[in-house]
Amino acid sequence: MTTIDRLQARDTGDPSPPFGEPGVGTEPSSLLATNVSAWFGNNKVLERVSLSMEPGKVTALIGPSGCGKSTFLRILNRMHELIPSAALAGSVVLDGVDVYGPELRVTETRLRIGMVFQRANPFPSMTIAQNVLSGLRLSGTKVANPDALVQECLERAGLWRETRNRLNESGAALSGGQLQRLCIARALAVRPRVLLMDEPCSALDPISTSVIEDTIRELCTDVTIVVVTHNMQQAQRVSHNCALFLVDGEGMPGHIVETGPTDQVFNDPVDPRTSDYVHGRFG
């Protein structure tokens, strides 16, 4: 089993980034998880999860609460290791490079694989424009035209029209749906190749949810997206592929029961448990 301590020890060096500098336009990337198992202390929460996330597509992770979807999402960009008791086995490969291997530092991983959380988390002391650029500033990355980048990212996140005359106002002054789109814009500013989204609409009203879903559909032409959602209708609307996570009993680790194109998973699943879950017969 690979422990987090050993992974962090490898980050003390300064290997050459295998993907070039952030802030430069890129193509969406492939992301492949193979035999990923995860623990919190002695509690095993994931069992040998393998999933291919296709470039330029939206992959939805579905399943009941407590089956490891969010844990798996955090493993994809090494956020799992922020928990002191966490450990994992298996591999996560971004365009042929193991993100837990010696070629890639943790900061580089999180620049390439961005994250949008369930609850919007802008920096309240920063303006809207400063929030968008904060990831670049924290990583020490300079851009030639920051104003143009702010506009581009806010446009891609569907927020430019509402904020173009308010860029110097506090980011905290925005509404809930706007705050979530601001966090998407912030994530996009570093030019990620993959964007992870953990229930991005769970706290939003239907109108804001619709705007976020439109944003996801537009972004996936440039960024590979992996989204956790409990909303089966949303999974059908926004995703190209789905993976159903389940647990076999209380205290058992989560695992993938079925994965495939969204239409197949919902309308012609292989496993009867998949049909039961997506049609609301359990979970």
C-alpha atoms as a PDB file:
ATOM      1  CA  MET A   1       0.000   0.000   0.000  1.00  0.00           C
ATOM      2  CA  THR A   2       1.298   3.436  -0.918  1.00  0.00           C
ATOM      3  CA  THR A   3       1.078   5.813   2.039  1.00  0.00           C
ATOM      4  CA  ILE A   4       0.561   9.538   1.854  1.00  0.00           C
ATOM      5  CA  ASP A   5       3.749  10.166   3.824  1.00  0.00           C
ATOM      6  CA  ARG A   6       5.862   8.548   1.125  1.00  0.00           C
ATOM      7  CA  LEU A   7       4.042  10.493  -1.576  1.00  0.00           C
ATOM      8  CA  GLN A   8       4.660  13.809   0.180  1.00  0.00           C
ATOM      9  CA  ALA A   9       8.345  12.961   0.652  1.00  0.00           C
ATOM     10  CA  ARG A  10       8.740  12.763  -3.116  1.00  0.00           C
ATOM     11  CA  ASP A  11       7.498  16.346  -3.476  1.00  0.00           C
ATOM     12  CA  THR A  12      10.593  17.839  -1.855  1.00  0.00           C
ATOM     13  CA  GLY A  13      12.501  17.776  -5.141  1.00  0.00           C
ATOM     14  CA  ASP A  14      11.974  20.019  -8.147  1.00  0.00           C
ATOM     15  CA  PRO A  15      11.414  17.820 -11.197  1.00  0.00           C
ATOM     16  CA  SER A  16      10.724  19.429 -14.547  1.00  0.00           C
ATOM     17  CA  PRO A  17       6.965  19.793 -15.116  1.00  0.00           C
ATOM     18  CA  PRO A  18       5.899  17.236 -17.760  1.00  0.00           C
ATOM     19  CA  PHE A  19       3.031  19.419 -19.013  1.00  0.00           C
ATOM     20  CA  GLY A  20       4.689  22.805 -19.424  1.00  0.00           C
ATOM     21  CA  GLU A  21       3.627  25.981 -17.639  1.00  0.00           C
ATOM     22  CA  PRO A  22       0.066  26.684 -16.428  1.00  0.00           C
ATOM     23  CA  GLY A  23      -1.759  29.626 -17.902  1.00  0.00           C
ATOM     24  CA  VAL A  24      -1.164  28.409 -21.461  1.00  0.00           C
ATOM     25  CA  GLY A  25      -4.044  27.009 -23.509  1.00  0.00           C
ATOM     26  CA  THR A  26      -4.149  23.208 -23.746  1.00  0.00           C
ATOM     27  CA  GLU A  27      -6.307  20.379 -25.010  1.00  0.00           C
ATOM     28  CA  PRO A  28      -8.534  18.390 -22.625  1.00  0.00           C
ATOM     29  CA  SER A  29      -6.741  15.418 -21.105  1.00  0.00           C
ATOM     30  CA  SER A  30      -7.471  11.780 -20.513  1.00  0.00           C
ATOM     31  CA  LEU A  31      -7.569  10.631 -16.901  1.00  0.00           C
ATOM     32  CA  LEU A  32      -7.301   6.965 -15.971  1.00  0.00           C
ATOM     33  CA  ALA A  33      -7.741   5.522 -12.482  1.00  0.00           C
ATOM     34  CA  THR A  34      -6.647   1.912 -12.036  1.00  0.00           C
ATOM     35  CA  ASN A  35      -7.343  -0.298  -9.011  1.00  0.00           C
ATOM     36  CA  VAL A  36      -7.712   2.660  -6.637  1.00  0.00           C
ATOM     37  CA  SER A  37      -8.355   1.678  -3.025  1.00  0.00           C
ATOM     38  CA  ALA A  38      -8.527   4.196  -0.183  1.00  0.00           C
ATOM     39  CA  TRP A  39      -8.437   4.211   3.596  1.00  0.00           C
ATOM     40  CA  PHE A  40      -9.041   6.634   6.447  1.00  0.00           C
ATOM     41  CA  GLY A  41      -7.006   5.033   9.190  1.00  0.00           C
ATOM     42  CA  ASN A  42      -8.125   1.406   9.329  1.00  0.00           C
ATOM     43  CA  ASN A  43     -11.399   2.141   7.568  1.00  0.00           C
ATOM     44  CA  LYS A  44     -11.326   1.107   3.924  1.00  0.00           C
ATOM     45  CA  VAL A  45     -13.651   3.355   1.920  1.00  0.00           C
ATOM     46  CA  LEU A  46     -12.892   2.389  -1.693  1.00  0.00           C
ATOM     47  CA  GLU A  47     -12.156  -1.017  -3.178  1.00  0.00           C
ATOM     48  CA  ARG A  48     -10.153  -1.340  -6.426  1.00  0.00           C
ATOM     49  CA  VAL A  49     -11.923   1.367  -8.431  1.00  0.00           C
ATOM     50  CA  SER A  50     -10.920   1.609 -12.086  1.00  0.00           C
ATOM     51  CA  LEU A  51     -12.371   4.274 -14.371  1.00  0.00           C
ATOM     52  CA  SER A  52     -11.380   5.862 -17.666  1.00  0.00           C
ATOM     53  CA  MET A  53     -12.442   9.505 -17.967  1.00  0.00           C
ATOM     54  CA  GLU A  54     -12.411  10.439 -21.636  1.00  0.00           C
ATOM     55  CA  PRO A  55     -10.906  13.729 -22.842  1.00  0.00           C
ATOM     56  CA  GLY A  56     -13.423  16.414 -23.713  1.00  0.00           C
ATOM     57  CA  LYS A  57     -16.287  14.491 -22.116  1.00  0.00           C
ATOM     58  CA  VAL A  58     -18.327  14.822 -18.909  1.00  0.00           C
ATOM     59  CA  THR A  59     -18.193  11.794 -16.615  1.00  0.00           C
ATOM     60  CA  ALA A  60     -20.823  11.715 -13.858  1.00  0.00           C
ATOM     61  CA  LEU A  61     -20.189   9.815 -10.625  1.00  0.00           C
ATOM     62  CA  ILE A  62     -23.514   8.703  -9.180  1.00  0.00           C
ATOM     63  CA  GLY A  63     -24.552   6.605  -6.197  1.00  0.00           C
ATOM     64  CA  PRO A  64     -25.933   6.963  -2.668  1.00  0.00           C
ATOM     65  CA  SER A  65     -24.219   8.960   0.069  1.00  0.00           C
ATOM     66  CA  GLY A  66     -21.302   7.209   1.723  1.00  0.00           C
ATOM     67  CA  CYS A  67     -20.212   5.092  -1.225  1.00  0.00           C
ATOM     68  CA  GLY A  68     -16.924   6.943  -1.847  1.00  0.00           C
ATOM     69  CA  LYS A  69     -17.724   9.200  -4.814  1.00  0.00           C
ATOM     70  CA  SER A  70     -16.320  12.392  -3.271  1.00  0.00           C
ATOM     71  CA  THR A  71     -13.332  10.531  -1.845  1.00  0.00           C
ATOM     72  CA  PHE A  72     -12.555   9.183  -5.306  1.00  0.00           C
ATOM     73  CA  LEU A  73     -12.908  12.667  -6.780  1.00  0.00           C
ATOM     74  CA  ARG A  74     -10.412  14.073  -4.287  1.00  0.00           C
ATOM     75  CA  ILE A  75      -7.970  11.265  -4.999  1.00  0.00           C
ATOM     76  CA  LEU A  76      -7.861  12.350  -8.640  1.00  0.00           C
ATOM     77  CA  ASN A  77      -5.996  15.578  -7.762  1.00  0.00           C
ATOM     78  CA  ARG A  78      -4.276  14.432  -4.568  1.00  0.00           C
ATOM     79  CA  MET A  79      -6.574  16.236  -2.138  1.00  0.00           C
ATOM     80  CA  HIS A  80      -7.098  12.907  -0.370  1.00  0.00           C
ATOM     81  CA  GLU A  81      -3.606  13.191   1.084  1.00  0.00           C
ATOM     82  CA  LEU A  82      -4.511  16.384   2.983  1.00  0.00           C
ATOM     83  CA  ILE A  83      -6.206  14.186   5.606  1.00  0.00           C
ATOM     84  CA  PRO A  84      -3.516  12.901   8.021  1.00  0.00           C
ATOM     85  CA  SER A  85      -4.978   9.374   8.343  1.00  0.00           C
ATOM     86  CA  ALA A  86      -5.514   8.919   4.597  1.00  0.00           C
ATOM     87  CA  ALA A  87      -3.772   6.292   2.499  1.00  0.00           C
ATOM     88  CA  LEU A  88      -4.333   4.805  -0.917  1.00  0.00           C
ATOM     89  CA  ALA A  89      -3.231   2.206  -3.426  1.00  0.00           C
ATOM     90  CA  GLY A  90      -3.494   2.093  -7.206  1.00  0.00           C
ATOM     91  CA  SER A  91      -2.695   4.726  -9.806  1.00  0.00           C
ATOM     92  CA  VAL A  92      -4.145   7.880 -11.363  1.00  0.00           C
ATOM     93  CA  VAL A  93      -2.671   8.677 -14.765  1.00  0.00           C
ATOM     94  CA  LEU A  94      -3.059  12.034 -16.539  1.00  0.00           C
ATOM     95  CA  ASP A  95      -2.082  11.791 -20.205  1.00  0.00           C
ATOM     96  CA  GLY A  96       0.292   8.934 -19.472  1.00  0.00           C
ATOM     97  CA  VAL A  97       1.846  10.503 -16.349  1.00  0.00           C
ATOM     98  CA  ASP A  98       1.110   9.062 -12.894  1.00  0.00           C
ATOM     99  CA  VAL A  99       0.030  12.030 -10.754  1.00  0.00           C
ATOM    100  CA  TYR A 100       1.347  10.196  -7.671  1.00  0.00           C
ATOM    101  CA  GLY A 101       4.663   9.397  -9.364  1.00  0.00           C
ATOM    102  CA  PRO A 102       8.012  11.200  -9.127  1.00  0.00           C
ATOM    103  CA  GLU A 103       7.534  13.136 -12.387  1.00  0.00           C
ATOM    104  CA  LEU A 104       4.762  15.364 -11.042  1.00  0.00           C
ATOM    105  CA  ARG A 105       4.671  17.528  -7.915  1.00  0.00           C
ATOM    106  CA  VAL A 106       1.459  17.948  -5.965  1.00  0.00           C
ATOM    107  CA  THR A 107       1.152  21.639  -6.877  1.00  0.00           C
ATOM    108  CA  GLU A 108       1.478  20.796 -10.562  1.00  0.00           C
ATOM    109  CA  THR A 109      -1.186  18.108 -10.205  1.00  0.00           C
ATOM    110  CA  ARG A 110      -3.667  20.544  -8.698  1.00  0.00           C
ATOM    111  CA  LEU A 111      -2.997  23.125 -11.394  1.00  0.00           C
ATOM    112  CA  ARG A 112      -3.692  20.554 -14.104  1.00  0.00           C
ATOM    113  CA  ILE A 113      -6.641  18.949 -12.334  1.00  0.00           C
ATOM    114  CA  GLY A 114      -8.809  21.729 -10.903  1.00  0.00           C
ATOM    115  CA  MET A 115     -11.575  21.425  -8.326  1.00  0.00           C
ATOM    116  CA  VAL A 116     -14.944  23.098  -7.740  1.00  0.00           C
ATOM    117  CA  PHE A 117     -16.538  22.252  -4.407  1.00  0.00           C
ATOM    118  CA  GLN A 118     -20.116  21.732  -3.273  1.00  0.00           C
ATOM    119  CA  ARG A 119     -20.133  25.051  -1.444  1.00  0.00           C
ATOM    120  CA  ALA A 120     -18.695  28.073  -3.211  1.00  0.00           C
ATOM    121  CA  ASN A 121     -15.521  29.244  -1.472  1.00  0.00           C
ATOM    122  CA  PRO A 122     -14.392  32.600  -2.896  1.00  0.00           C
ATOM    123  CA  PHE A 123     -11.841  34.698  -1.032  1.00  0.00           C
ATOM    124  CA  PRO A 124     -14.040  37.325   0.702  1.00  0.00           C
ATOM    125  CA  SER A 125     -11.237  39.868   1.056  1.00  0.00           C
ATOM    126  CA  MET A 126     -10.559  39.841  -2.691  1.00  0.00           C
ATOM    127  CA  THR A 127     -12.422  41.549  -5.494  1.00  0.00           C
ATOM    128  CA  ILE A 128     -14.152  39.570  -8.234  1.00  0.00           C
ATOM    129  CA  ALA A 129     -11.186  40.088 -10.557  1.00  0.00           C
ATOM    130  CA  GLN A 130      -8.669  39.175  -7.858  1.00  0.00           C
ATOM    131  CA  ASN A 131     -10.593  35.990  -7.106  1.00  0.00           C
ATOM    132  CA  VAL A 132     -10.341  34.907 -10.740  1.00  0.00           C
ATOM    133  CA  LEU A 133      -6.581  35.461 -10.765  1.00  0.00           C
ATOM    134  CA  SER A 134      -5.882  34.093  -7.280  1.00  0.00           C
ATOM    135  CA  GLY A 135      -4.808  30.629  -8.424  1.00  0.00           C
ATOM    136  CA  LEU A 136      -2.229  32.092 -10.763  1.00  0.00           C
ATOM    137  CA  ARG A 137      -0.891  34.390  -8.079  1.00  0.00           C
ATOM    138  CA  LEU A 138      -0.649  31.608  -5.520  1.00  0.00           C
ATOM    139  CA  SER A 139       1.273  29.454  -7.998  1.00  0.00           C
ATOM    140  CA  GLY A 140       3.574  32.329  -8.960  1.00  0.00           C
ATOM    141  CA  THR A 141       2.426  32.283 -12.584  1.00  0.00           C
ATOM    142  CA  LYS A 142       2.491  35.546 -14.552  1.00  0.00           C
ATOM    143  CA  VAL A 143       0.252  36.306 -17.518  1.00  0.00           C
ATOM    144  CA  ALA A 144       0.772  38.975 -20.162  1.00  0.00           C
ATOM    145  CA  ASN A 145      -2.757  40.413 -20.003  1.00  0.00           C
ATOM    146  CA  PRO A 146      -4.563  39.669 -16.730  1.00  0.00           C
ATOM    147  CA  ASP A 147      -7.575  41.843 -17.626  1.00  0.00           C
ATOM    148  CA  ALA A 148      -8.196  39.824 -20.776  1.00  0.00           C
ATOM    149  CA  LEU A 149      -7.832  36.589 -18.831  1.00  0.00           C
ATOM    150  CA  VAL A 150     -10.367  37.740 -16.225  1.00  0.00           C
ATOM    151  CA  GLN A 151     -12.878  38.531 -18.971  1.00  0.00           C
ATOM    152  CA  GLU A 152     -12.259  35.248 -20.782  1.00  0.00           C
ATOM    153  CA  CYS A 153     -12.697  33.125 -17.651  1.00  0.00           C
ATOM    154  CA  LEU A 154     -15.810  34.964 -16.518  1.00  0.00           C
ATOM    155  CA  GLU A 155     -17.284  34.570 -20.005  1.00  0.00           C
ATOM    156  CA  ARG A 156     -16.547  30.851 -20.011  1.00  0.00           C
ATOM    157  CA  ALA A 157     -18.141  30.531 -16.575  1.00  0.00           C
ATOM    158  CA  GLY A 158     -21.249  32.424 -17.753  1.00  0.00           C
ATOM    159  CA  LEU A 159     -20.659  35.342 -15.375  1.00  0.00           C
ATOM    160  CA  TRP A 160     -19.215  38.172 -17.470  1.00  0.00           C
ATOM    161  CA  ARG A 161     -22.439  40.033 -18.237  1.00  0.00           C
ATOM    162  CA  GLU A 162     -23.396  40.142 -14.556  1.00  0.00           C
ATOM    163  CA  THR A 163     -19.998  41.260 -13.279  1.00  0.00           C
ATOM    164  CA  ARG A 164     -18.282  43.282 -16.015  1.00  0.00           C
ATOM    165  CA  ASN A 165     -19.118  46.550 -14.229  1.00  0.00           C
ATOM    166  CA  ARG A 166     -18.420  45.123 -10.760  1.00  0.00           C
ATOM    167  CA  LEU A 167     -14.939  43.645 -11.112  1.00  0.00           C
ATOM    168  CA  ASN A 168     -13.555  45.716  -8.251  1.00  0.00           C
ATOM    169  CA  GLU A 169     -16.329  44.760  -5.836  1.00  0.00           C
ATOM    170  CA  SER A 170     -15.856  42.017  -3.258  1.00  0.00           C
ATOM    171  CA  GLY A 171     -16.453  38.522  -4.561  1.00  0.00           C
ATOM    172  CA  ALA A 172     -18.516  37.841  -1.450  1.00  0.00           C
ATOM    173  CA  ALA A 173     -21.170  40.317  -2.681  1.00  0.00           C
ATOM    174  CA  LEU A 174     -22.379  37.882  -5.354  1.00  0.00           C
ATOM    175  CA  SER A 175     -25.371  35.559  -5.036  1.00  0.00           C
ATOM    176  CA  GLY A 176     -25.014  31.806  -4.424  1.00  0.00           C
ATOM    177  CA  GLY A 177     -25.208  30.810  -8.080  1.00  0.00           C
ATOM    178  CA  GLN A 178     -22.882  33.638  -9.075  1.00  0.00           C
ATOM    179  CA  LEU A 179     -20.379  32.627  -6.390  1.00  0.00           C
ATOM    180  CA  GLN A 180     -20.256  29.091  -7.765  1.00  0.00           C
ATOM    181  CA  ARG A 181     -19.626  30.421 -11.270  1.00  0.00           C
ATOM    182  CA  LEU A 182     -16.914  32.705  -9.851  1.00  0.00           C
ATOM    183  CA  CYS A 183     -15.229  29.617  -8.401  1.00  0.00           C
ATOM    184  CA  ILE A 184     -15.461  27.947 -11.816  1.00  0.00           C
ATOM    185  CA  ALA A 185     -13.849  31.017 -13.410  1.00  0.00           C
ATOM    186  CA  ARG A 186     -11.085  30.901 -10.791  1.00  0.00           C
ATOM    187  CA  ALA A 187     -10.441  27.251 -11.548  1.00  0.00           C
ATOM    188  CA  LEU A 188     -10.326  27.918 -15.300  1.00  0.00           C
ATOM    189  CA  ALA A 189      -7.753  30.715 -15.015  1.00  0.00           C
ATOM    190  CA  VAL A 190      -4.855  28.282 -14.530  1.00  0.00           C
ATOM    191  CA  ARG A 191      -5.870  26.417 -17.693  1.00  0.00           C
ATOM    192  CA  PRO A 192      -6.633  23.024 -16.123  1.00  0.00           C
ATOM    193  CA  ARG A 193      -6.859  19.996 -18.348  1.00  0.00           C
ATOM    194  CA  VAL A 194      -9.405  18.334 -16.054  1.00  0.00           C
ATOM    195  CA  LEU A 195     -12.071  19.984 -13.875  1.00  0.00           C
ATOM    196  CA  LEU A 196     -13.515  18.075 -10.909  1.00  0.00           C
ATOM    197  CA  MET A 197     -16.906  19.212  -9.599  1.00  0.00           C
ATOM    198  CA  ASP A 198     -18.308  17.894  -6.312  1.00  0.00           C
ATOM    199  CA  GLU A 199     -22.089  18.390  -6.363  1.00  0.00           C
ATOM    200  CA  PRO A 200     -21.713  21.928  -7.748  1.00  0.00           C
ATOM    201  CA  CYS A 201     -25.475  22.579  -7.851  1.00  0.00           C
ATOM    202  CA  SER A 202     -26.676  20.958  -4.629  1.00  0.00           C
ATOM    203  CA  ALA A 203     -27.117  24.290  -2.806  1.00  0.00           C
ATOM    204  CA  LEU A 204     -28.495  26.241  -5.773  1.00  0.00           C
ATOM    205  CA  ASP A 205     -31.961  27.160  -6.983  1.00  0.00           C
ATOM    206  CA  PRO A 206     -33.269  25.683 -10.280  1.00  0.00           C
ATOM    207  CA  ILE A 207     -32.391  28.775 -12.346  1.00  0.00           C
ATOM    208  CA  SER A 208     -28.801  28.882 -11.066  1.00  0.00           C
ATOM    209  CA  THR A 209     -28.565  25.115 -11.537  1.00  0.00           C
ATOM    210  CA  SER A 210     -29.610  25.489 -15.169  1.00  0.00           C
ATOM    211  CA  VAL A 211     -26.921  28.116 -15.760  1.00  0.00           C
ATOM    212  CA  ILE A 212     -24.232  25.892 -14.194  1.00  0.00           C
ATOM    213  CA  GLU A 213     -25.360  22.946 -16.321  1.00  0.00           C
ATOM    214  CA  ASP A 214     -25.150  25.091 -19.455  1.00  0.00           C
ATOM    215  CA  THR A 215     -21.639  26.095 -18.383  1.00  0.00           C
ATOM    216  CA  ILE A 216     -20.620  22.437 -17.934  1.00  0.00           C
ATOM    217  CA  ARG A 217     -21.873  21.537 -21.396  1.00  0.00           C
ATOM    218  CA  GLU A 218     -19.948  24.415 -22.963  1.00  0.00           C
ATOM    219  CA  LEU A 219     -16.734  23.827 -21.025  1.00  0.00           C
ATOM    220  CA  CYS A 220     -16.362  20.148 -21.869  1.00  0.00           C
ATOM    221  CA  THR A 221     -15.158  20.977 -25.383  1.00  0.00           C
ATOM    222  CA  ASP A 222     -11.998  22.393 -23.779  1.00  0.00           C
ATOM    223  CA  VAL A 223     -11.754  20.641 -20.410  1.00  0.00           C
ATOM    224  CA  THR A 224     -12.383  17.060 -19.306  1.00  0.00           C
ATOM    225  CA  ILE A 225     -15.013  17.198 -16.538  1.00  0.00           C
ATOM    226  CA  VAL A 226     -15.763  14.748 -13.735  1.00  0.00           C
ATOM    227  CA  VAL A 227     -18.828  15.634 -11.674  1.00  0.00           C
ATOM    228  CA  VAL A 228     -20.376  14.065  -8.574  1.00  0.00           C
ATOM    229  CA  THR A 229     -24.142  14.413  -8.495  1.00  0.00           C
ATOM    230  CA  HIS A 230     -27.090  12.901  -6.615  1.00  0.00           C
ATOM    231  CA  ASN A 231     -29.490  14.329  -9.190  1.00  0.00           C
ATOM    232  CA  MET A 232     -30.229  11.594 -11.741  1.00  0.00           C
ATOM    233  CA  GLN A 233     -31.883  14.023 -14.129  1.00  0.00           C
ATOM    234  CA  GLN A 234     -28.817  16.239 -13.986  1.00  0.00           C
ATOM    235  CA  ALA A 235     -26.534  13.296 -14.715  1.00  0.00           C
ATOM    236  CA  GLN A 236     -28.618  12.516 -17.790  1.00  0.00           C
ATOM    237  CA  ARG A 237     -28.637  16.134 -18.939  1.00  0.00           C
ATOM    238  CA  VAL A 238     -24.937  16.978 -18.648  1.00  0.00           C
ATOM    239  CA  SER A 239     -22.870  13.787 -18.837  1.00  0.00           C
ATOM    240  CA  HIS A 240     -21.589  11.629 -21.659  1.00  0.00           C
ATOM    241  CA  ASN A 241     -20.563   8.762 -19.375  1.00  0.00           C
ATOM    242  CA  CYS A 242     -21.655   7.582 -15.924  1.00  0.00           C
ATOM    243  CA  ALA A 243     -20.143   5.456 -13.179  1.00  0.00           C
ATOM    244  CA  LEU A 244     -22.383   4.034 -10.452  1.00  0.00           C
ATOM    245  CA  PHE A 245     -20.771   3.594  -7.014  1.00  0.00           C
ATOM    246  CA  LEU A 246     -22.382   1.329  -4.420  1.00  0.00           C
ATOM    247  CA  VAL A 247     -21.502  -0.432  -1.160  1.00  0.00           C
ATOM    248  CA  ASP A 248     -22.412  -4.072  -0.529  1.00  0.00           C
ATOM    249  CA  GLY A 249     -23.285  -3.525   3.119  1.00  0.00           C
ATOM    250  CA  GLU A 250     -22.748  -1.321   6.146  1.00  0.00           C
ATOM    251  CA  GLY A 251     -19.060  -0.727   6.769  1.00  0.00           C
ATOM    252  CA  MET A 252     -18.042  -2.131   3.392  1.00  0.00           C
ATOM    253  CA  PRO A 253     -15.933  -0.080   0.945  1.00  0.00           C
ATOM    254  CA  GLY A 254     -17.463   1.583  -2.082  1.00  0.00           C
ATOM    255  CA  HIS A 255     -16.831   0.221  -5.559  1.00  0.00           C
ATOM    256  CA  ILE A 256     -18.039   0.768  -9.115  1.00  0.00           C
ATOM    257  CA  VAL A 257     -20.959  -1.452 -10.087  1.00  0.00           C
ATOM    258  CA  GLU A 258     -21.312  -0.252 -13.661  1.00  0.00           C
ATOM    259  CA  THR A 259     -19.845   2.326 -15.988  1.00  0.00           C
ATOM    260  CA  GLY A 260     -20.566   3.281 -19.572  1.00  0.00           C
ATOM    261  CA  PRO A 261     -22.276   5.815 -21.830  1.00  0.00           C
ATOM    262  CA  THR A 262     -24.970   7.686 -19.918  1.00  0.00           C
ATOM    263  CA  ASP A 263     -27.781   6.579 -22.218  1.00  0.00           C
ATOM    264  CA  GLN A 264     -26.810   2.941 -21.732  1.00  0.00           C
ATOM    265  CA  VAL A 265     -26.464   3.220 -17.964  1.00  0.00           C
ATOM    266  CA  PHE A 266     -29.924   4.759 -17.646  1.00  0.00           C
ATOM    267  CA  ASN A 267     -31.818   2.926 -20.362  1.00  0.00           C
ATOM    268  CA  ASP A 268     -30.073  -0.408 -20.914  1.00  0.00           C
ATOM    269  CA  PRO A 269     -27.902  -1.196 -17.874  1.00  0.00           C
ATOM    270  CA  VAL A 270     -26.123  -4.510 -17.502  1.00  0.00           C
ATOM    271  CA  ASP A 271     -26.462  -4.808 -13.719  1.00  0.00           C
ATOM    272  CA  PRO A 272     -30.007  -4.873 -12.256  1.00  0.00           C
ATOM    273  CA  ARG A 273     -28.775  -2.791  -9.304  1.00  0.00           C
ATOM    274  CA  THR A 274     -28.020   0.002 -11.751  1.00  0.00           C
ATOM    275  CA  SER A 275     -31.589  -0.040 -13.056  1.00  0.00           C
ATOM    276  CA  ASP A 276     -32.945  -0.042  -9.511  1.00  0.00           C
ATOM    277  CA  TYR A 277     -30.788   2.933  -8.487  1.00  0.00           C
ATOM    278  CA  VAL A 278     -31.272   5.219 -11.485  1.00  0.00           C
ATOM    279  CA  HIS A 279     -35.027   4.642 -11.377  1.00  0.00           C
ATOM    280  CA  GLY A 280     -35.266   5.397  -7.665  1.00  0.00           C
ATOM    281  CA  ARG A 281     -36.029   1.925  -6.383  1.00  0.00           C
ATOM    282  CA  PHE A 282     -33.301   2.137  -3.743  1.00  0.00           C
ATOM    283  CA  GLY A 283     -30.635   4.551  -2.489  1.00  0.00           C
END
